[in-house]
C-alpha atoms as a PDB file:
ATOM      1  CA  MET A   1     -13.788  -9.702  -6.414  1.00  0.00           C
ATOM      2  CA  PHE A   2     -14.914 -11.943  -3.341  1.00  0.00           C
ATOM      3  CA  GLU A   3     -11.996 -14.136  -3.917  1.00  0.00           C
ATOM      4  CA  SER A   4      -9.545 -11.493  -3.906  1.00  0.00           C
ATOM      5  CA  VAL A   5     -10.837  -9.817  -0.790  1.00  0.00           C
ATOM      6  CA  LYS A   6     -10.406 -13.194   0.961  1.00  0.00           C
ATOM      7  CA  GLU A   7      -6.761 -13.256  -0.172  1.00  0.00           C
ATOM      8  CA  ARG A   8      -6.132  -9.656   0.959  1.00  0.00           C
ATOM      9  CA  ARG A   9      -3.056  -9.054   3.028  1.00  0.00           C
ATOM     10  CA  THR A  10      -1.371  -5.991   4.799  1.00  0.00           C
ATOM     11  CA  VAL A  11       1.376  -4.765   2.430  1.00  0.00           C
ATOM     12  CA  ARG A  12       4.108  -2.692   4.361  1.00  0.00           C
ATOM     13  CA  LYS A  13       6.998  -3.097   1.615  1.00  0.00           C
ATOM     14  CA  TYR A  14       6.876  -1.485  -1.631  1.00  0.00           C
ATOM     15  CA  LEU A  15       8.769  -1.490  -5.095  1.00  0.00           C
ATOM     16  CA  GLN A  16      10.066   2.065  -5.769  1.00  0.00           C
ATOM     17  CA  LYS A  17       7.909   2.359  -8.591  1.00  0.00           C
ATOM     18  CA  ASP A  18       5.584   5.280  -9.493  1.00  0.00           C
ATOM     19  CA  ILE A  19       1.872   5.064  -9.530  1.00  0.00           C
ATOM     20  CA  SER A  20       0.277   6.733 -12.586  1.00  0.00           C
ATOM     21  CA  GLU A  21      -1.652  10.030 -12.113  1.00  0.00           C
ATOM     22  CA  ASP A  22      -4.237   8.114 -14.601  1.00  0.00           C
ATOM     23  CA  LEU A  23      -4.383   5.222 -11.975  1.00  0.00           C
ATOM     24  CA  LEU A  24      -4.439   7.078  -8.757  1.00  0.00           C
ATOM     25  CA  ASN A  25      -7.300   9.543 -10.147  1.00  0.00           C
ATOM     26  CA  ASP A  26      -9.404   6.586 -11.272  1.00  0.00           C
ATOM     27  CA  LEU A  27      -8.885   4.784  -8.040  1.00  0.00           C
ATOM     28  CA  LEU A  28     -10.239   7.965  -6.220  1.00  0.00           C
ATOM     29  CA  GLU A  29     -12.702   8.971  -8.548  1.00  0.00           C
ATOM     30  CA  THR A  30     -14.461   5.258  -8.363  1.00  0.00           C
ATOM     31  CA  SER A  31     -14.033   5.296  -4.350  1.00  0.00           C
ATOM     32  CA  CYS A  32     -16.113   8.217  -4.503  1.00  0.00           C
ATOM     33  CA  ARG A  33     -19.122   6.744  -5.471  1.00  0.00           C
ATOM     34  CA  THR A  34     -18.979   4.932  -2.064  1.00  0.00           C
ATOM     35  CA  ALA A  35     -22.332   5.595  -0.055  1.00  0.00           C
ATOM     36  CA  THR A  36     -22.382   8.617   2.262  1.00  0.00           C
ATOM     37  CA  VAL A  37     -24.220  10.171   5.450  1.00  0.00           C
ATOM     38  CA  GLY A  38     -27.401  12.247   3.620  1.00  0.00           C
ATOM     39  CA  ASN A  39     -25.248  12.542   0.454  1.00  0.00           C
ATOM     40  CA  MET A  40     -23.157  14.923   2.220  1.00  0.00           C
ATOM     41  CA  GLN A  41     -19.944  13.552   1.236  1.00  0.00           C
ATOM     42  CA  VAL A  42     -18.417  15.216   4.250  1.00  0.00           C
ATOM     43  CA  TYR A  43     -14.823  13.595   4.032  1.00  0.00           C
ATOM     44  CA  SER A  44     -11.697  14.873   2.057  1.00  0.00           C
ATOM     45  CA  ILE A  45      -8.618  12.999   1.070  1.00  0.00           C
ATOM     46  CA  VAL A  46      -5.156  14.301   1.019  1.00  0.00           C
ATOM     47  CA  VAL A  47      -2.675  12.819  -1.387  1.00  0.00           C
ATOM     48  CA  THR A  48       1.161  12.918  -0.384  1.00  0.00           C
ATOM     49  CA  ARG A  49       3.657  12.186  -3.005  1.00  0.00           C
ATOM     50  CA  ASP A  50       6.316  14.467  -2.053  1.00  0.00           C
ATOM     51  CA  ALA A  51       9.099  12.821  -0.359  1.00  0.00           C
ATOM     52  CA  GLY A  52       9.776  15.993   2.026  1.00  0.00           C
ATOM     53  CA  MET A  53       5.910  15.849   2.870  1.00  0.00           C
ATOM     54  CA  LYS A  54       6.106  11.951   3.690  1.00  0.00           C
ATOM     55  CA  GLU A  55       9.093  12.911   6.111  1.00  0.00           C
ATOM     56  CA  LYS A  56       7.302  15.449   7.989  1.00  0.00           C
ATOM     57  CA  LEU A  57       3.973  13.361   8.309  1.00  0.00           C
ATOM     58  CA  ALA A  58       6.487   9.979   9.405  1.00  0.00           C
ATOM     59  CA  PRO A  59       6.986  10.955  13.186  1.00  0.00           C
ATOM     60  CA  ALA A  60       2.983  11.254  13.466  1.00  0.00           C
ATOM     61  CA  HIS A  61       3.022   7.600  12.382  1.00  0.00           C
ATOM     62  CA  PHE A  62       5.864   6.573  14.763  1.00  0.00           C
ATOM     63  CA  ASN A  63       8.250   6.862  11.991  1.00  0.00           C
ATOM     64  CA  GLN A  64       6.965   3.468  10.551  1.00  0.00           C
ATOM     65  CA  PRO A  65       9.286   2.836   7.369  1.00  0.00           C
ATOM     66  CA  MET A  66       6.298   2.396   5.099  1.00  0.00           C
ATOM     67  CA  VAL A  67       5.031   5.845   5.411  1.00  0.00           C
ATOM     68  CA  LYS A  68       8.482   7.176   3.549  1.00  0.00           C
ATOM     69  CA  GLN A  69       8.659   4.107   1.134  1.00  0.00           C
ATOM     70  CA  ALA A  70       5.411   3.840  -0.094  1.00  0.00           C
ATOM     71  CA  SER A  71       4.787   5.713  -3.406  1.00  0.00           C
ATOM     72  CA  VAL A  72       1.683   7.541  -2.211  1.00  0.00           C
ATOM     73  CA  VAL A  73       0.456   8.596   1.365  1.00  0.00           C
ATOM     74  CA  LEU A  74      -3.396   9.068   1.646  1.00  0.00           C
ATOM     75  CA  THR A  75      -4.868  10.882   4.708  1.00  0.00           C
ATOM     76  CA  PHE A  76      -8.803  10.325   4.849  1.00  0.00           C
ATOM     77  CA  CYS A  77     -10.137  13.074   6.980  1.00  0.00           C
ATOM     78  CA  THR A  78     -13.674  14.197   8.328  1.00  0.00           C
ATOM     79  CA  ASP A  79     -14.371  17.431   6.395  1.00  0.00           C
ATOM     80  CA  PHE A  80     -17.469  19.621   7.740  1.00  0.00           C
ATOM     81  CA  HIS A  81     -15.242  22.699   6.762  1.00  0.00           C
ATOM     82  CA  ARG A  82     -16.174  22.737   3.163  1.00  0.00           C
ATOM     83  CA  PHE A  83     -19.827  21.667   3.705  1.00  0.00           C
ATOM     84  CA  SER A  84     -20.396  24.249   6.065  1.00  0.00           C
ATOM     85  CA  GLN A  85     -18.926  27.107   3.827  1.00  0.00           C
ATOM     86  CA  TRP A  86     -21.393  25.896   1.256  1.00  0.00           C
ATOM     87  CA  CYS A  87     -24.104  26.368   3.529  1.00  0.00           C
ATOM     88  CA  ARG A  88     -22.961  29.869   4.815  1.00  0.00           C
ATOM     89  CA  GLU A  89     -22.468  30.734   0.664  1.00  0.00           C
ATOM     90  CA  ARG A  90     -26.010  29.415   0.268  1.00  0.00           C
ATOM     91  CA  ASN A  91     -27.942  31.572   3.264  1.00  0.00           C
ATOM     92  CA  ALA A  92     -28.080  28.582   5.441  1.00  0.00           C
ATOM     93  CA  GLU A  93     -26.399  28.159   8.878  1.00  0.00           C
ATOM     94  CA  PRO A  94     -24.706  24.992   9.516  1.00  0.00           C
ATOM     95  CA  GLY A  95     -24.647  23.354  13.176  1.00  0.00           C
ATOM     96  CA  TYR A  96     -22.069  20.711  12.561  1.00  0.00           C
ATOM     97  CA  ASP A  97     -19.865  21.720  15.299  1.00  0.00           C
ATOM     98  CA  ASN A  98     -20.503  18.331  17.228  1.00  0.00           C
ATOM     99  CA  LEU A  99     -19.762  14.982  18.052  1.00  0.00           C
ATOM    100  CA  LEU A 100     -22.539  13.614  15.962  1.00  0.00           C
ATOM    101  CA  SER A 101     -21.263  15.519  12.863  1.00  0.00           C
ATOM    102  CA  PHE A 102     -17.785  14.205  13.869  1.00  0.00           C
ATOM    103  CA  LEU A 103     -19.192  10.435  13.606  1.00  0.00           C
ATOM    104  CA  ASN A 104     -20.896  11.100  10.725  1.00  0.00           C
ATOM    105  CA  ALA A 105     -18.120  12.626   8.654  1.00  0.00           C
ATOM    106  CA  ALA A 106     -16.042   9.859  10.179  1.00  0.00           C
ATOM    107  CA  THR A 107     -18.421   7.005   8.971  1.00  0.00           C
ATOM    108  CA  ASP A 108     -18.246   8.916   5.395  1.00  0.00           C
ATOM    109  CA  ALA A 109     -14.315   8.814   5.467  1.00  0.00           C
ATOM    110  CA  LEU A 110     -13.828   5.372   6.520  1.00  0.00           C
ATOM    111  CA  LEU A 111     -16.141   3.926   4.079  1.00  0.00           C
ATOM    112  CA  VAL A 112     -14.662   5.410   1.104  1.00  0.00           C
ATOM    113  CA  ALA A 113     -11.079   4.531   2.550  1.00  0.00           C
ATOM    114  CA  GLN A 114     -12.304   0.722   2.520  1.00  0.00           C
ATOM    115  CA  THR A 115     -13.572   1.489  -0.861  1.00  0.00           C
ATOM    116  CA  PHE A 116     -10.471   3.035  -2.507  1.00  0.00           C
ATOM    117  CA  CYS A 117      -8.187   0.079  -0.570  1.00  0.00           C
ATOM    118  CA  THR A 118     -10.341  -2.827  -1.996  1.00  0.00           C
ATOM    119  CA  LEU A 119     -10.235  -1.252  -5.664  1.00  0.00           C
ATOM    120  CA  ALA A 120      -6.406  -0.552  -5.357  1.00  0.00           C
ATOM    121  CA  GLU A 121      -5.593  -4.182  -4.318  1.00  0.00           C
ATOM    122  CA  GLU A 122      -7.844  -5.293  -7.140  1.00  0.00           C
ATOM    123  CA  ALA A 123      -5.375  -3.012  -9.377  1.00  0.00           C
ATOM    124  CA  GLY A 124      -2.412  -5.151  -8.090  1.00  0.00           C
ATOM    125  CA  LEU A 125      -1.493  -2.264  -5.486  1.00  0.00           C
ATOM    126  CA  GLY A 126      -0.756  -2.944  -1.840  1.00  0.00           C
ATOM    127  CA  THR A 127      -2.147  -0.948   0.999  1.00  0.00           C
ATOM    128  CA  CYS A 128      -1.655  -0.590   4.703  1.00  0.00           C
ATOM    129  CA  TYR A 129      -4.063   0.965   7.116  1.00  0.00           C
ATOM    130  CA  LEU A 130      -2.367   3.255   9.660  1.00  0.00           C
ATOM    131  CA  GLY A 131      -4.670   3.767  12.724  1.00  0.00           C
ATOM    132  CA  THR A 132      -1.949   5.938  14.047  1.00  0.00           C
ATOM    133  CA  ALA A 133      -3.859   8.842  12.345  1.00  0.00           C
ATOM    134  CA  ILE A 134      -5.757   9.428  15.599  1.00  0.00           C
ATOM    135  CA  TYR A 135      -3.062   8.762  18.055  1.00  0.00           C
ATOM    136  CA  ASN A 136      -1.515  11.965  16.935  1.00  0.00           C
ATOM    137  CA  PRO A 137      -3.824  13.813  15.030  1.00  0.00           C
ATOM    138  CA  GLN A 138      -2.396  17.295  15.646  1.00  0.00           C
ATOM    139  CA  GLN A 139       1.009  16.780  14.200  1.00  0.00           C
ATOM    140  CA  ILE A 140      -1.066  15.608  10.954  1.00  0.00           C
ATOM    141  CA  ILE A 141      -3.453  18.661  11.358  1.00  0.00           C
ATOM    142  CA  ASP A 142      -0.222  20.878  11.279  1.00  0.00           C
ATOM    143  CA  VAL A 143       1.625  19.432   8.621  1.00  0.00           C
ATOM    144  CA  LEU A 144      -1.399  19.238   6.160  1.00  0.00           C
ATOM    145  CA  GLY A 145      -2.754  22.340   7.186  1.00  0.00           C
ATOM    146  CA  LEU A 146      -6.146  20.962   8.367  1.00  0.00           C
ATOM    147  CA  PRO A 147      -8.765  24.111   9.104  1.00  0.00           C
ATOM    148  CA  GLU A 148     -11.309  23.452  11.745  1.00  0.00           C
ATOM    149  CA  LEU A 149     -13.711  20.867  11.299  1.00  0.00           C
ATOM    150  CA  VAL A 150     -11.229  18.839   9.283  1.00  0.00           C
ATOM    151  CA  PHE A 151      -9.851  15.894  11.187  1.00  0.00           C
ATOM    152  CA  PRO A 152      -7.788  12.992  10.262  1.00  0.00           C
ATOM    153  CA  VAL A 153      -9.256   9.430  10.890  1.00  0.00           C
ATOM    154  CA  ILE A 154      -7.301   6.913   8.745  1.00  0.00           C
ATOM    155  CA  THR A 155      -4.042   6.874   6.679  1.00  0.00           C
ATOM    156  CA  VAL A 156      -3.114   4.615   4.060  1.00  0.00           C
ATOM    157  CA  THR A 157       0.053   3.938   2.670  1.00  0.00           C
ATOM    158  CA  LEU A 158      -0.069   2.691  -1.066  1.00  0.00           C
ATOM    159  CA  GLY A 159       2.269   1.257  -3.600  1.00  0.00           C
ATOM    160  CA  TYR A 160       3.345  -1.987  -5.942  1.00  0.00           C
ATOM    161  CA  PRO A 161       4.009  -4.725  -3.404  1.00  0.00           C
ATOM    162  CA  ASP A 162       7.585  -6.018  -2.742  1.00  0.00           C
ATOM    163  CA  GLU A 163       6.428  -8.968  -0.557  1.00  0.00           C
ATOM    164  CA  HIS A 164       3.780 -11.074  -0.092  1.00  0.00           C
ATOM    165  CA  PRO A 165       3.333 -11.606   3.454  1.00  0.00           C
ATOM    166  CA  ALA A 166       1.167 -14.263   5.202  1.00  0.00           C
ATOM    167  CA  GLN A 167      -2.434 -13.448   5.963  1.00  0.00           C
ATOM    168  CA  VAL A 168      -3.105 -12.598   9.466  1.00  0.00           C
ATOM    169  CA  ASP A 169      -5.719 -14.794  11.465  1.00  0.00           C
ATOM    170  CA  ARG A 170      -9.266 -13.908  11.782  1.00  0.00           C
ATOM    171  CA  LEU A 171     -11.940 -15.362  14.487  1.00  0.00           C
ATOM    172  CA  PRO A 172     -14.729 -17.789  13.081  1.00  0.00           C
ATOM    173  CA  LEU A 173     -17.584 -16.101  11.548  1.00  0.00           C
ATOM    174  CA  GLU A 174     -19.445 -16.865  14.919  1.00  0.00           C
ATOM    175  CA  ALA A 175     -17.333 -14.512  17.035  1.00  0.00           C
ATOM    176  CA  VAL A 176     -18.580 -11.520  14.966  1.00  0.00           C
ATOM    177  CA  VAL A 177     -21.956 -12.407  13.553  1.00  0.00           C
ATOM    178  CA  HIS A 178     -25.111 -12.198  15.687  1.00  0.00           C
ATOM    179  CA  THR A 179     -28.307 -13.493  14.654  1.00  0.00           C
ATOM    180  CA  GLU A 180     -31.534 -11.746  15.382  1.00  0.00           C
ATOM    181  CA  HIS A 181     -30.080  -9.984  18.665  1.00  0.00           C
ATOM    182  CA  TYR A 182     -26.592  -9.845  20.497  1.00  0.00           C
ATOM    183  CA  HIS A 183     -25.910 -12.967  22.115  1.00  0.00           C
ATOM    184  CA  SER A 184     -23.168 -13.047  25.256  1.00  0.00           C
ATOM    185  CA  PHE A 185     -20.318 -15.575  25.170  1.00  0.00           C
ATOM    186  CA  SER A 186     -19.615 -18.311  27.705  1.00  0.00           C
ATOM    187  CA  PRO A 187     -16.245 -19.286  28.942  1.00  0.00           C
ATOM    188  CA  GLU A 188     -16.348 -22.484  26.925  1.00  0.00           C
ATOM    189  CA  ASP A 189     -17.459 -20.019  23.749  1.00  0.00           C
ATOM    190  CA  ILE A 190     -14.279 -17.788  24.116  1.00  0.00           C
ATOM    191  CA  ASP A 191     -11.913 -21.004  24.678  1.00  0.00           C
ATOM    192  CA  ARG A 192     -13.600 -22.338  21.240  1.00  0.00           C
ATOM    193  CA  LEU A 193     -13.504 -18.877  19.145  1.00  0.00           C
ATOM    194  CA  TYR A 194      -9.920 -17.789  20.384  1.00  0.00           C
ATOM    195  CA  HIS A 195      -8.379 -21.159  20.307  1.00  0.00           C
ATOM    196  CA  THR A 196      -7.015 -20.902  16.762  1.00  0.00           C
ATOM    197  CA  LYS A 197      -5.515 -17.437  17.626  1.00  0.00           C
ATOM    198  CA  GLU A 198      -3.915 -18.386  20.655  1.00  0.00           C
ATOM    199  CA  SER A 199      -2.293 -21.516  19.157  1.00  0.00           C
ATOM    200  CA  LEU A 200      -0.695 -19.783  16.536  1.00  0.00           C
ATOM    201  CA  PRO A 201       3.408 -19.899  16.851  1.00  0.00           C
ATOM    202  CA  GLU A 202       3.635 -16.416  16.076  1.00  0.00           C
ATOM    203  CA  ASN A 203       1.140 -15.484  19.039  1.00  0.00           C
ATOM    204  CA  LYS A 204       2.946 -17.947  21.215  1.00  0.00           C
ATOM    205  CA  GLN A 205       6.282 -16.148  20.570  1.00  0.00           C
ATOM    206  CA  TYR A 206       4.427 -12.827  21.447  1.00  0.00           C
ATOM    207  CA  VAL A 207       3.667 -14.128  24.803  1.00  0.00           C
ATOM    208  CA  ALA A 208       7.082 -15.624  25.522  1.00  0.00           C
ATOM    209  CA  GLU A 209       8.810 -12.475  24.192  1.00  0.00           C
ATOM    210  CA  ASN A 210       6.657 -10.181  26.752  1.00  0.00           C
ATOM    211  CA  LYS A 211       7.088 -12.468  29.501  1.00  0.00           C
ATOM    212  CA  LYS A 212       3.314 -12.845  29.763  1.00  0.00           C
ATOM    213  CA  GLU A 213       1.240 -15.697  30.772  1.00  0.00           C
ATOM    214  CA  THR A 214      -1.496 -15.466  27.833  1.00  0.00           C
ATOM    215  CA  LEU A 215      -2.229 -13.406  24.760  1.00  0.00           C
ATOM    216  CA  ALA A 216      -4.545 -11.207  26.080  1.00  0.00           C
ATOM    217  CA  GLN A 217      -2.099  -9.689  28.454  1.00  0.00           C
ATOM    218  CA  VAL A 218       0.319  -8.829  25.907  1.00  0.00           C
ATOM    219  CA  PHE A 219      -2.882  -6.695  24.348  1.00  0.00           C
ATOM    220  CA  THR A 220      -3.865  -5.268  27.806  1.00  0.00           C
ATOM    221  CA  ASP A 221      -0.280  -4.682  29.307  1.00  0.00           C
ATOM    222  CA  VAL A 222       1.953  -4.146  26.370  1.00  0.00           C
ATOM    223  CA  ARG A 223       0.180  -3.029  23.158  1.00  0.00           C
ATOM    224  CA  TYR A 224      -3.225  -1.384  24.419  1.00  0.00           C
ATOM    225  CA  THR A 225      -2.642  -0.381  27.926  1.00  0.00           C
ATOM    226  CA  LYS A 226      -5.363   1.215  29.822  1.00  0.00           C
ATOM    227  CA  ARG A 227      -2.899   4.151  30.757  1.00  0.00           C
ATOM    228  CA  VAL A 228      -1.993   4.845  27.333  1.00  0.00           C
ATOM    229  CA  ASN A 229      -5.492   4.568  26.039  1.00  0.00           C
ATOM    230  CA  GLU A 230      -6.931   7.117  28.375  1.00  0.00           C
ATOM    231  CA  ALA A 231      -3.832   9.493  27.716  1.00  0.00           C
ATOM    232  CA  LEU A 232      -4.603   9.120  24.003  1.00  0.00           C
ATOM    233  CA  SER A 233      -8.213   9.662  24.470  1.00  0.00           C
ATOM    234  CA  ALA A 234      -7.758  12.543  26.538  1.00  0.00           C
ATOM    235  CA  ASN A 235      -5.559  13.841  23.747  1.00  0.00           C
ATOM    236  CA  LEU A 236      -8.262  12.998  21.028  1.00  0.00           C
ATOM    237  CA  LEU A 237     -11.037  14.962  23.085  1.00  0.00           C
ATOM    238  CA  GLU A 238      -8.751  17.922  23.307  1.00  0.00           C
ATOM    239  CA  ILE A 239      -8.066  18.345  19.630  1.00  0.00           C
ATOM    240  CA  LEU A 240     -11.582  17.473  18.516  1.00  0.00           C
ATOM    241  CA  LYS A 241     -12.492  20.623  20.412  1.00  0.00           C
ATOM    242  CA  LYS A 242      -9.603  22.576  19.022  1.00  0.00           C
ATOM    243  CA  GLN A 243     -10.642  21.453  15.622  1.00  0.00           C
ATOM    244  CA  LYS A 244     -14.416  22.724  16.640  1.00  0.00           C
ATOM    245  CA  PHE A 245     -16.251  19.072  16.933  1.00  0.00           C
ATOM    246  CA  LEU A 246     -16.863  19.615  20.583  1.00  0.00           C
END
């Protein structure tokens, strides 16, 4: 298991080969053994196989081709709708229309999504995370008919791989692991920790193509700009209110 996780890679191209219902259900059932906040299991997974539904979902994911090409698209959602309904049916008044509940449910959904992907890759399938679920949540809410207190947090495309892409780079362990307490980084630390990433030919190419001085500028000025992040944040807050989490 550990070796396979070390070898994992994002797969965006898939064979036109169906995934059996038995395999998919087994992966889902096993994934649902994942740890969950308070044993509430406040998540739902919407499974999309229908080509027409994939077509409707694609714009929410900026029409990335793997959405329509993948055998299955899974949308992992926070879900306090079901739990709240259970509470009311049992003469208990729920109080989960708040930010903490959203974060708890998002934790549940992301944990089960990661477990699912690990198991799927062990079974020979390829996966790709789509963070665009929180960029355009309203479109997904509308297409999937998500009620109040249900919110999409991550989408995963799934299929048999039609490529074997190179692994993307990762920072050294000392960049992300802190012993006993958080330690800040000196300029020399940053130089050392980001040296390999900045030295990769593909990253140097990104810098040149975008006419920037550094790789960091590609992130701040092109890929994830303050203006876009603030606009998406405002939209996210608005839809969280609409879905009754705020």
